[in-house]
């Protein structure tokens, strides 16, 4: 009888330990964007930080078409963490804008703000293009189909009375839907007149085009910047300083919005707390992945956040003495 009792006790202990072990191990897949932008190297840096410094976490970064696909992957449970533009994330949360008519994604949760996502128009230097208005009749890349970059292009071109969508009226611009690296290659081969790239500065694909003299950066006029920012308030004016890129001797006036890290309400509080903490604890390692993340500090954690925070991130912020605004609590 005693032997049976001991055996039962050992079996129960083994089951308990197995449960503890399972609960302490997490598989984290982070959705980023195309390899030519800033999301992908930043996502890889984050995955490395998490896997190296959080016991029981296995993490990897996944290349995607950008924010809309990332939202879809999150809703389908295929990723645990994702990067996204704040305006598109808000559209999905509210079922507004490009998500009008869809079911609101009310389980979408923010983790923290990353860095400004800068709108960058690059044009072929020999075409005499001085304004976005001059893109009329030209062949451009607005981004990949239904990507956040492509949505940004629509919102900006609208301010200039330009359109490339056949179901939205007169087509005044011809669009090719490509990723950043593919667009850069076609610009170098003179198969395109212009491309729009949204990303943290400096962006690899922009460096490629400017260093090879295949393109130059285009400034936007102050009145057009105001029109866009007034209609879509998550945008804000942004200056790309001179010499940010090769052969860029003058500052460039454009707009930007906030990139955020987001997750789903179903993700465990413990996991999101640990991921948030490790990102800030090892901030220097993330900056090595991409210099845009110098902006990713606790002081900027709330900037541009448009959806409620996950409780795991809230726990970390409050430990660090930050007060989370009521409108950003779930």
Protein backbone atom coordinates (compact mmCIF):
# COMPACT_ATOMS: atom_id res chain seq x y z
CA UNK A 1 0.00 0.00 0.00
CA UNK A 2 2.85 2.36 0.92
CA UNK A 3 4.60 1.64 -2.39
CA UNK A 4 1.42 2.44 -4.30
CA UNK A 5 1.07 5.71 -2.41
CA UNK A 6 4.68 6.70 -3.16
CA UNK A 7 4.24 5.78 -6.83
CA UNK A 8 1.04 7.82 -7.05
CA UNK A 9 2.76 10.77 -5.40
CA UNK A 10 5.67 10.59 -7.88
CA UNK A 11 3.25 10.43 -10.82
CA UNK A 12 1.32 13.43 -9.54
CA UNK A 13 4.57 15.38 -9.06
CA UNK A 14 5.67 14.52 -12.60
CA UNK A 15 2.34 15.70 -14.00
CA UNK A 16 2.61 18.91 -11.99
CA UNK A 17 6.17 19.59 -13.18
CA UNK A 18 5.16 18.89 -16.76
CA UNK A 19 2.36 21.43 -16.42
CA UNK A 20 4.76 24.01 -14.98
CA UNK A 21 7.25 23.35 -17.77
CA UNK A 22 4.56 23.72 -20.44
CA UNK A 23 3.26 26.93 -18.92
CA UNK A 24 6.75 28.47 -18.79
CA UNK A 25 7.53 27.85 -22.46
CA UNK A 26 6.29 30.18 -25.16
CA UNK A 27 6.61 30.17 -28.93
CA UNK A 28 6.57 33.75 -30.21
CA UNK A 29 6.29 34.57 -33.89
CA UNK A 30 6.53 38.30 -34.68
CA UNK A 31 5.02 39.57 -37.94
CA UNK A 32 7.03 42.34 -39.62
CA UNK A 33 6.88 43.49 -43.28
CA UNK A 34 8.99 43.22 -46.44
CA UNK A 35 12.73 42.63 -46.06
CA UNK A 36 13.61 45.97 -47.68
CA UNK A 37 12.03 48.06 -44.90
CA UNK A 38 12.81 48.68 -41.24
CA UNK A 39 10.24 46.32 -39.70
CA UNK A 40 12.05 43.13 -40.68
CA UNK A 41 15.51 43.87 -39.16
CA UNK A 42 13.84 45.32 -36.06
CA UNK A 43 11.65 42.24 -35.72
CA UNK A 44 14.71 40.01 -35.99
CA UNK A 45 16.50 42.06 -33.33
CA UNK A 46 13.50 41.75 -30.99
CA UNK A 47 13.22 38.00 -31.56
CA UNK A 48 16.91 37.60 -30.74
CA UNK A 49 16.54 39.67 -27.55
CA UNK A 50 13.55 37.66 -26.38
CA UNK A 51 14.99 34.25 -27.16
CA UNK A 52 18.39 35.05 -25.65
CA UNK A 53 17.22 36.75 -22.47
CA UNK A 54 13.86 35.21 -21.51
CA UNK A 55 14.07 31.57 -20.35
CA UNK A 56 11.50 29.38 -22.06
CA UNK A 57 10.84 31.74 -24.99
CA UNK A 58 11.54 30.70 -28.58
CA UNK A 59 11.08 33.61 -30.96
CA UNK A 60 11.38 34.28 -34.67
CA UNK A 61 10.49 37.07 -37.12
CA UNK A 62 8.27 36.55 -40.16
CA UNK A 63 8.40 38.64 -43.34
CA UNK A 64 4.92 39.78 -44.43
CA UNK A 65 3.17 42.28 -46.69
CA UNK A 66 2.81 44.69 -43.75
CA UNK A 67 0.21 45.91 -41.26
CA UNK A 68 -3.05 44.64 -42.86
CA UNK A 69 -1.63 41.14 -43.28
CA UNK A 70 -0.19 41.29 -39.77
CA UNK A 71 -3.64 42.10 -38.39
CA UNK A 72 -5.10 39.15 -40.29
CA UNK A 73 -2.36 36.81 -39.04
CA UNK A 74 -3.00 37.99 -35.48
CA UNK A 75 -6.75 37.46 -35.74
CA UNK A 76 -6.14 33.95 -37.10
CA UNK A 77 -3.79 33.12 -34.22
CA UNK A 78 -0.82 32.58 -36.55
CA UNK A 79 1.40 35.16 -34.82
CA UNK A 80 1.63 36.29 -31.20
CA UNK A 81 3.15 39.76 -31.74
CA UNK A 82 3.15 42.10 -34.74
CA UNK A 83 4.37 45.48 -35.90
CA UNK A 84 1.95 47.93 -37.45
CA UNK A 85 1.05 51.48 -38.34
CA UNK A 86 -1.13 53.13 -35.71
CA UNK A 87 -3.74 54.44 -38.18
CA UNK A 88 -4.32 51.05 -39.82
CA UNK A 89 -4.49 49.37 -36.40
CA UNK A 90 -7.15 51.89 -35.36
CA UNK A 91 -9.12 51.25 -38.56
CA UNK A 92 -9.18 47.53 -37.72
CA UNK A 93 -10.09 48.12 -34.07
CA UNK A 94 -13.01 50.40 -34.97
CA UNK A 95 -13.96 48.83 -38.34
CA UNK A 96 -13.50 52.28 -39.90
CA UNK A 97 -11.58 53.60 -42.90
CA UNK A 98 -10.34 50.74 -45.06
CA UNK A 99 -11.98 48.29 -42.59
CA UNK A 100 -15.46 49.78 -42.89
CA UNK A 101 -18.06 47.02 -43.07
CA UNK A 102 -15.85 44.45 -41.36
CA UNK A 103 -16.18 43.15 -37.80
CA UNK A 104 -14.35 45.45 -35.34
CA UNK A 105 -11.18 43.83 -33.99
CA UNK A 106 -11.86 44.67 -30.35
CA UNK A 107 -9.33 42.13 -29.06
CA UNK A 108 -6.46 44.07 -30.63
CA UNK A 109 -4.05 45.30 -27.95
CA UNK A 110 -1.02 47.60 -27.99
CA UNK A 111 2.31 46.78 -26.38
CA UNK A 112 4.27 50.01 -26.92
CA UNK A 113 5.12 52.64 -29.52
CA UNK A 114 8.18 51.90 -31.68
CA UNK A 115 9.33 54.86 -33.81
CA UNK A 116 8.06 57.28 -36.49
CA UNK A 117 7.15 55.64 -39.80
CA UNK A 118 8.24 58.17 -42.39
CA UNK A 119 6.56 58.62 -45.78
CA UNK A 120 9.30 58.76 -48.44
CA UNK A 121 8.62 59.57 -52.10
CA UNK A 122 11.54 58.71 -54.39
CA UNK A 123 11.52 59.87 -58.01
CA UNK A 124 13.83 59.35 -60.97
CA UNK A 125 16.15 62.38 -61.09
CA UNK A 126 16.02 63.05 -64.86
CA UNK A 127 12.23 63.40 -65.14
CA UNK A 128 11.93 66.91 -63.71
CA UNK A 129 9.48 65.84 -60.97
CA UNK A 130 9.40 68.60 -58.35
CA UNK A 131 6.12 67.79 -56.57
CA UNK A 132 3.85 64.82 -55.88
CA UNK A 133 1.45 66.65 -58.20
CA UNK A 134 3.90 65.97 -61.05
CA UNK A 135 3.25 62.22 -60.70
CA UNK A 136 0.15 62.65 -62.86
CA UNK A 137 0.50 60.36 -65.86
CA UNK A 138 3.51 58.60 -64.34
CA UNK A 139 4.17 54.97 -63.44
CA UNK A 140 4.62 54.54 -59.68
CA UNK A 141 4.79 51.93 -56.93
CA UNK A 142 2.41 52.87 -54.09
CA UNK A 143 3.34 49.71 -52.14
CA UNK A 144 2.21 46.11 -52.16
CA UNK A 145 -1.51 45.49 -52.68
CA UNK A 146 -3.55 46.46 -49.59
CA UNK A 147 -0.40 47.05 -47.54
CA UNK A 148 -0.25 49.91 -45.04
CA UNK A 149 2.19 51.67 -47.37
CA UNK A 150 -0.31 51.42 -50.22
CA UNK A 151 -3.07 52.83 -48.01
CA UNK A 152 -0.74 55.71 -47.06
CA UNK A 153 -0.16 56.37 -50.77
CA UNK A 154 -3.90 56.62 -51.43
CA UNK A 155 -4.34 59.09 -48.55
CA UNK A 156 -1.47 61.30 -49.71
CA UNK A 157 -2.30 61.24 -53.43
CA UNK A 158 -5.88 62.15 -52.57
CA UNK A 159 -4.63 65.53 -51.31
CA UNK A 160 -3.10 66.13 -54.75
CA UNK A 161 -6.21 65.04 -56.65
CA UNK A 162 -4.45 61.91 -57.96
CA UNK A 163 -5.83 58.37 -58.13
CA UNK A 164 -4.65 54.97 -59.37
CA UNK A 165 -7.67 52.84 -58.35
CA UNK A 166 -9.95 51.97 -61.27
CA UNK A 167 -13.03 51.79 -59.05
CA UNK A 168 -12.41 55.22 -57.49
CA UNK A 169 -12.92 57.48 -60.48
CA UNK A 170 -10.56 58.73 -63.16
CA UNK A 171 -7.19 56.98 -63.09
CA UNK A 172 -4.46 59.64 -63.23
CA UNK A 173 -1.49 57.52 -62.13
CA UNK A 174 -0.44 54.02 -63.21
CA UNK A 175 0.35 51.74 -60.26
CA UNK A 176 2.65 48.74 -59.99
CA UNK A 177 2.26 46.84 -56.72
CA UNK A 178 5.72 45.78 -55.55
CA UNK A 179 7.77 45.31 -52.38
CA UNK A 180 10.50 47.78 -51.46
CA UNK A 181 13.44 45.83 -52.88
CA UNK A 182 11.62 45.06 -56.14
CA UNK A 183 10.65 48.72 -56.51
CA UNK A 184 14.27 49.77 -55.96
CA UNK A 185 15.45 47.33 -58.64
CA UNK A 186 12.91 48.66 -61.15
CA UNK A 187 13.86 52.25 -60.35
CA UNK A 188 17.50 51.38 -61.05
CA UNK A 189 16.45 49.79 -64.34
CA UNK A 190 14.40 52.91 -65.22
CA UNK A 191 11.20 50.86 -65.42
CA UNK A 192 9.44 53.15 -62.92
CA UNK A 193 9.09 56.90 -62.49
CA UNK A 194 8.58 56.97 -58.72
CA UNK A 195 7.98 54.82 -55.66
CA UNK A 196 6.63 55.43 -52.19
CA UNK A 197 8.39 53.77 -49.26
CA UNK A 198 7.18 54.05 -45.66
CA UNK A 199 9.72 53.19 -43.01
CA UNK A 200 12.08 54.24 -40.28
CA UNK A 201 14.93 56.38 -41.50
CA UNK A 202 17.26 55.35 -42.90
CA UNK A 203 15.44 52.66 -44.92
CA UNK A 204 17.63 50.14 -46.75
CA UNK A 205 15.77 50.35 -50.07
CA UNK A 206 16.02 54.17 -50.07
CA UNK A 207 19.74 53.98 -49.37
CA UNK A 208 20.04 51.63 -52.34
CA UNK A 209 18.26 53.99 -54.75
CA UNK A 210 19.97 57.19 -53.63
CA UNK A 211 23.47 55.74 -53.47
CA UNK A 212 23.10 54.39 -57.02
CA UNK A 213 21.62 57.74 -58.19
CA UNK A 214 18.48 55.92 -59.34
CA UNK A 215 16.28 58.26 -57.33
CA UNK A 216 16.01 61.43 -55.25
CA UNK A 217 13.75 62.22 -52.31
CA UNK A 218 10.77 64.49 -52.91
CA UNK A 219 9.51 67.08 -50.43
CA UNK A 220 5.80 67.71 -49.85
CA UNK A 221 4.35 71.22 -49.74
CA UNK A 222 3.31 72.61 -46.30
CA UNK A 223 -0.31 73.16 -47.38
CA UNK A 224 -0.63 69.56 -48.59
CA UNK A 225 0.95 68.28 -45.37
CA UNK A 226 -1.63 70.26 -43.37
CA UNK A 227 -4.54 68.90 -45.47
CA UNK A 228 -3.42 65.30 -44.90
CA UNK A 229 -2.71 65.73 -41.18
CA UNK A 230 -6.04 67.49 -40.60
CA UNK A 231 -8.02 64.71 -42.30
CA UNK A 232 -5.97 61.82 -40.89
CA UNK A 233 -4.78 63.05 -37.47
CA UNK A 234 -2.40 60.14 -36.81
CA UNK A 235 -0.03 61.72 -39.38
CA UNK A 236 2.29 64.54 -38.31
CA UNK A 237 4.84 66.72 -40.14
CA UNK A 238 8.33 65.25 -40.30
CA UNK A 239 11.68 66.50 -41.58
CA UNK A 240 14.27 64.05 -42.90
CA UNK A 241 17.51 65.87 -41.98
CA UNK A 242 20.05 66.62 -44.67
CA UNK A 243 22.64 63.87 -45.19
CA UNK A 244 20.41 61.20 -43.68
CA UNK A 245 20.89 59.38 -47.00
CA UNK A 246 23.74 59.27 -49.54
CA UNK A 247 23.82 62.35 -51.82
CA UNK A 248 20.94 64.01 -49.94
CA UNK A 249 22.31 67.48 -49.23
CA UNK A 250 18.99 69.18 -48.34
CA UNK A 251 16.36 68.41 -45.68
CA UNK A 252 13.16 66.79 -46.96
CA UNK A 253 9.71 67.84 -45.73
CA UNK A 254 7.22 65.01 -45.44
CA UNK A 255 4.86 63.34 -42.96
CA UNK A 256 5.10 60.41 -40.57
CA UNK A 257 2.97 58.36 -38.22
CA UNK A 258 3.72 56.04 -35.33
CA UNK A 259 4.70 52.42 -35.68
CA UNK A 260 3.48 50.31 -32.79
CA UNK A 261 3.97 46.80 -31.49
CA UNK A 262 0.64 45.05 -30.97
CA UNK A 263 -0.76 41.73 -29.86
CA UNK A 264 -4.09 40.07 -29.03
CA UNK A 265 -6.01 40.15 -25.73
CA UNK A 266 -5.81 36.35 -25.61
CA UNK A 267 -2.02 36.38 -25.14
CA UNK A 268 -0.97 35.63 -21.52
CA UNK A 269 -0.27 38.64 -19.32
CA UNK A 270 2.98 37.02 -18.16
CA UNK A 271 4.28 36.63 -21.71
CA UNK A 272 3.51 40.18 -22.81
CA UNK A 273 4.98 41.54 -19.57
CA UNK A 274 8.23 39.60 -20.15
CA UNK A 275 8.49 40.64 -23.81
CA UNK A 276 7.87 44.30 -22.96
CA UNK A 277 10.39 44.27 -20.12
CA UNK A 278 13.12 42.57 -22.14
CA UNK A 279 12.73 44.99 -25.04
CA UNK A 280 13.43 47.98 -22.81
CA UNK A 281 16.07 46.19 -20.70
CA UNK A 282 18.06 45.35 -23.84
CA UNK A 283 17.25 48.48 -25.84
CA UNK A 284 20.86 48.89 -27.00
CA UNK A 285 20.72 45.50 -28.70
CA UNK A 286 17.61 46.55 -30.62
CA UNK A 287 19.28 49.76 -31.80
CA UNK A 288 22.05 47.62 -33.27
CA UNK A 289 19.36 45.97 -35.39
CA UNK A 290 18.13 49.34 -36.73
CA UNK A 291 18.97 52.88 -35.66
CA UNK A 292 15.30 53.99 -35.92
CA UNK A 293 14.67 52.23 -32.59
CA UNK A 294 16.74 54.83 -30.74
CA UNK A 295 13.26 56.38 -30.42
CA UNK A 296 11.88 53.23 -28.72
CA UNK A 297 12.25 54.38 -25.12
CA UNK A 298 9.94 54.40 -22.12
CA UNK A 299 9.55 58.18 -22.53
CA UNK A 300 8.01 57.55 -25.97
CA UNK A 301 6.11 54.36 -25.13
CA UNK A 302 2.65 55.95 -25.39
CA UNK A 303 3.31 58.28 -28.35
CA UNK A 304 0.88 57.64 -31.17
CA UNK A 305 -0.80 54.64 -29.53
CA UNK A 306 -4.35 54.40 -30.89
CA UNK A 307 -5.61 51.12 -29.36
CA UNK A 308 -5.83 49.89 -25.73
CA UNK A 309 -2.71 48.47 -24.14
CA UNK A 310 -2.40 44.80 -23.18
CA UNK A 311 -2.49 44.26 -19.37
CA UNK A 312 0.99 42.71 -19.52
CA UNK A 313 2.48 45.93 -20.89
CA UNK A 314 0.45 48.02 -18.45
CA UNK A 315 1.93 46.03 -15.57
CA UNK A 316 5.46 46.82 -16.73
CA UNK A 317 4.75 50.51 -17.32
CA UNK A 318 3.25 50.88 -13.85
CA UNK A 319 6.26 49.13 -12.31
CA UNK A 320 8.39 51.82 -13.96
CA UNK A 321 6.20 54.58 -12.53
CA UNK A 322 4.31 55.49 -15.71
CA UNK A 323 0.61 56.37 -15.59
CA UNK A 324 -1.32 54.77 -18.44
CA UNK A 325 -4.12 57.11 -19.67
CA UNK A 326 -7.65 55.84 -19.11
CA UNK A 327 -8.38 55.90 -22.86
CA UNK A 328 -5.53 53.42 -23.43
CA UNK A 329 -6.76 50.89 -20.85
CA UNK A 330 -8.81 47.89 -22.07
